[in-house]
Amino acid sequence: MKRAIMQIIIHSDRDEDYLAFKKDLHIILEHGVTDFSLSPLRTDTMKTGYGEMYMTLSVNNVSELLHFLATSWSGPEDDCETDTIQADCFHPLVSYLYFQLPDV
């Protein structure tokens, strides 16, 4: 099992959208993830009306998870990113994902 970190930017900075997104995240447990935790939402400093959060994950199958999260990624599997310009993402609120497997 590997520990991963993911930055998530969504198309909303509203608490009710964050809570709905957080509830929907449990589907990742069916795609190579055994456990995860999510930070509180904060307003993205780069884009007005967007929210940013961070997630830590315990991952059994990185390839399966990345394939589920988005149709295309830039970079190697242990340090990659995607956005809705280059890929279809797993949730309609997602604008950007950055996935990293830190050196342990």
C-alpha atoms as a PDB file:
ATOM      1  CA  MET A   1       0.000   0.000   0.000  1.00  0.00           C
ATOM      2  CA  LYS A   2       1.234   3.481  -0.882  1.00  0.00           C
ATOM      3  CA  ARG A   3       0.426   6.843   0.685  1.00  0.00           C
ATOM      4  CA  ALA A   4      -0.480   9.547  -1.814  1.00  0.00           C
ATOM      5  CA  ILE A   5      -1.287  13.246  -1.701  1.00  0.00           C
ATOM      6  CA  MET A   6      -3.711  14.943  -4.056  1.00  0.00           C
ATOM      7  CA  GLN A   7      -4.552  18.610  -4.579  1.00  0.00           C
ATOM      8  CA  ILE A   8      -8.102  19.137  -5.813  1.00  0.00           C
ATOM      9  CA  ILE A   9      -9.545  22.362  -7.199  1.00  0.00           C
ATOM     10  CA  ILE A  10     -13.290  22.521  -7.752  1.00  0.00           C
ATOM     11  CA  HIS A  11     -15.539  24.967  -9.632  1.00  0.00           C
ATOM     12  CA  SER A  12     -17.056  26.290  -6.395  1.00  0.00           C
ATOM     13  CA  ASP A  13     -16.032  27.765  -3.063  1.00  0.00           C
ATOM     14  CA  ARG A  14     -19.435  27.163  -1.455  1.00  0.00           C
ATOM     15  CA  ASP A  15     -19.580  24.943   1.635  1.00  0.00           C
ATOM     16  CA  GLU A  16     -22.662  23.066   0.424  1.00  0.00           C
ATOM     17  CA  ASP A  17     -20.883  22.075  -2.811  1.00  0.00           C
ATOM     18  CA  TYR A  18     -17.836  20.964  -0.815  1.00  0.00           C
ATOM     19  CA  LEU A  19     -20.017  18.788   1.438  1.00  0.00           C
ATOM     20  CA  ALA A  20     -21.757  17.196  -1.555  1.00  0.00           C
ATOM     21  CA  PHE A  21     -18.386  16.580  -3.233  1.00  0.00           C
ATOM     22  CA  LYS A  22     -16.979  15.085  -0.026  1.00  0.00           C
ATOM     23  CA  LYS A  23     -19.937  12.710   0.197  1.00  0.00           C
ATOM     24  CA  ASP A  24     -19.461  11.637  -3.435  1.00  0.00           C
ATOM     25  CA  LEU A  25     -15.758  10.906  -2.868  1.00  0.00           C
ATOM     26  CA  HIS A  26     -16.490   7.577  -1.199  1.00  0.00           C
ATOM     27  CA  ILE A  27     -16.753   6.045  -4.672  1.00  0.00           C
ATOM     28  CA  ILE A  28     -12.937   6.114  -4.885  1.00  0.00           C
ATOM     29  CA  LEU A  29     -12.906   3.301  -2.312  1.00  0.00           C
ATOM     30  CA  GLU A  30     -14.046   1.066  -5.183  1.00  0.00           C
ATOM     31  CA  HIS A  31     -11.019   2.064  -7.309  1.00  0.00           C
ATOM     32  CA  GLY A  32      -7.808   1.077  -5.551  1.00  0.00           C
ATOM     33  CA  VAL A  33      -8.125   3.270  -2.436  1.00  0.00           C
ATOM     34  CA  THR A  34      -8.443   1.758   1.046  1.00  0.00           C
ATOM     35  CA  ASP A  35      -8.629   4.959   3.099  1.00  0.00           C
ATOM     36  CA  PHE A  36      -8.569   8.728   2.620  1.00  0.00           C
ATOM     37  CA  SER A  37      -8.862  12.003   4.490  1.00  0.00           C
ATOM     38  CA  LEU A  38      -9.820  15.390   3.098  1.00  0.00           C
ATOM     39  CA  SER A  39      -8.835  18.865   4.244  1.00  0.00           C
ATOM     40  CA  PRO A  40     -11.399  21.621   4.705  1.00  0.00           C
ATOM     41  CA  LEU A  41     -12.227  23.701   1.634  1.00  0.00           C
ATOM     42  CA  ARG A  42     -10.520  27.037   1.204  1.00  0.00           C
ATOM     43  CA  THR A  43     -11.031  29.656  -1.469  1.00  0.00           C
ATOM     44  CA  ASP A  44      -8.529  29.250  -4.297  1.00  0.00           C
ATOM     45  CA  THR A  45      -6.239  32.287  -4.316  1.00  0.00           C
ATOM     46  CA  MET A  46      -5.684  32.055  -8.085  1.00  0.00           C
ATOM     47  CA  LYS A  47      -9.302  31.803  -9.299  1.00  0.00           C
ATOM     48  CA  THR A  48     -12.302  33.646  -7.887  1.00  0.00           C
ATOM     49  CA  GLY A  49     -15.212  31.338  -7.080  1.00  0.00           C
ATOM     50  CA  TYR A  50     -13.071  28.185  -7.019  1.00  0.00           C
ATOM     51  CA  GLY A  51     -12.236  26.080  -3.984  1.00  0.00           C
ATOM     52  CA  GLU A  52      -9.111  24.123  -3.105  1.00  0.00           C
ATOM     53  CA  MET A  53      -8.603  21.108  -0.854  1.00  0.00           C
ATOM     54  CA  TYR A  54      -6.010  18.432  -0.210  1.00  0.00           C
ATOM     55  CA  MET A  55      -6.483  14.720   0.202  1.00  0.00           C
ATOM     56  CA  THR A  56      -4.255  12.013   1.621  1.00  0.00           C
ATOM     57  CA  LEU A  57      -4.950   8.507   0.391  1.00  0.00           C
ATOM     58  CA  SER A  58      -3.895   4.930   1.031  1.00  0.00           C
ATOM     59  CA  VAL A  59      -3.674   3.401  -2.435  1.00  0.00           C
ATOM     60  CA  ASN A  60      -3.381  -0.268  -3.406  1.00  0.00           C
ATOM     61  CA  ASN A  61      -3.585   0.252  -7.163  1.00  0.00           C
ATOM     62  CA  VAL A  62      -2.324   3.630  -8.411  1.00  0.00           C
ATOM     63  CA  SER A  63      -3.036   2.909 -12.095  1.00  0.00           C
ATOM     64  CA  GLU A  64      -6.637   1.945 -11.397  1.00  0.00           C
ATOM     65  CA  LEU A  65      -7.199   5.069  -9.290  1.00  0.00           C
ATOM     66  CA  LEU A  66      -5.702   7.461 -11.849  1.00  0.00           C
ATOM     67  CA  HIS A  67      -7.687   5.871 -14.671  1.00  0.00           C
ATOM     68  CA  PHE A  68     -10.888   6.343 -12.650  1.00  0.00           C
ATOM     69  CA  LEU A  69     -10.136   9.952 -11.659  1.00  0.00           C
ATOM     70  CA  ALA A  70      -9.413  11.259 -15.171  1.00  0.00           C
ATOM     71  CA  THR A  71      -9.047  10.131 -18.772  1.00  0.00           C
ATOM     72  CA  SER A  72      -5.629  11.743 -19.258  1.00  0.00           C
ATOM     73  CA  TRP A  73      -2.693  12.824 -17.064  1.00  0.00           C
ATOM     74  CA  SER A  74       0.508  14.797 -17.664  1.00  0.00           C
ATOM     75  CA  GLY A  75       3.625  13.413 -16.013  1.00  0.00           C
ATOM     76  CA  PRO A  76       4.693  10.091 -14.534  1.00  0.00           C
ATOM     77  CA  GLU A  77       2.297   8.082 -12.385  1.00  0.00           C
ATOM     78  CA  ASP A  78       3.987   9.169  -9.137  1.00  0.00           C
ATOM     79  CA  ASP A  79       3.841  12.929  -9.890  1.00  0.00           C
ATOM     80  CA  CYS A  80       1.125  13.932 -12.353  1.00  0.00           C
ATOM     81  CA  GLU A  81      -1.621  16.455 -12.972  1.00  0.00           C
ATOM     82  CA  THR A  82      -4.719  16.939 -15.065  1.00  0.00           C
ATOM     83  CA  ASP A  83      -7.512  19.428 -15.604  1.00  0.00           C
ATOM     84  CA  THR A  84     -10.818  19.602 -17.397  1.00  0.00           C
ATOM     85  CA  ILE A  85      -9.184  21.130 -20.478  1.00  0.00           C
ATOM     86  CA  GLN A  86      -7.134  18.004 -21.208  1.00  0.00           C
ATOM     87  CA  ALA A  87      -9.329  15.287 -19.666  1.00  0.00           C
ATOM     88  CA  ASP A  88     -12.728  14.210 -18.455  1.00  0.00           C
ATOM     89  CA  CYS A  89     -12.653  14.017 -14.655  1.00  0.00           C
ATOM     90  CA  PHE A  90     -14.617  11.741 -12.342  1.00  0.00           C
ATOM     91  CA  HIS A  91     -16.805  14.498 -10.862  1.00  0.00           C
ATOM     92  CA  PRO A  92     -18.459  17.529 -12.518  1.00  0.00           C
ATOM     93  CA  LEU A  93     -17.108  19.949  -9.877  1.00  0.00           C
ATOM     94  CA  VAL A  94     -13.463  19.010 -10.481  1.00  0.00           C
ATOM     95  CA  SER A  95     -11.383  21.616 -12.302  1.00  0.00           C
ATOM     96  CA  TYR A  96      -7.825  20.421 -11.527  1.00  0.00           C
ATOM     97  CA  LEU A  97      -6.106  17.424  -9.900  1.00  0.00           C
ATOM     98  CA  TYR A  98      -2.481  17.055  -8.835  1.00  0.00           C
ATOM     99  CA  PHE A  99      -1.468  13.565  -7.667  1.00  0.00           C
ATOM    100  CA  GLN A 100       1.806  12.724  -5.960  1.00  0.00           C
ATOM    101  CA  LEU A 101       3.401   9.699  -4.321  1.00  0.00           C
ATOM    102  CA  PRO A 102       5.965  11.311  -2.000  1.00  0.00           C
ATOM    103  CA  ASP A 103       9.300   9.627  -1.359  1.00  0.00           C
ATOM    104  CA  VAL A 104       9.103   7.782   1.929  1.00  0.00           C
END
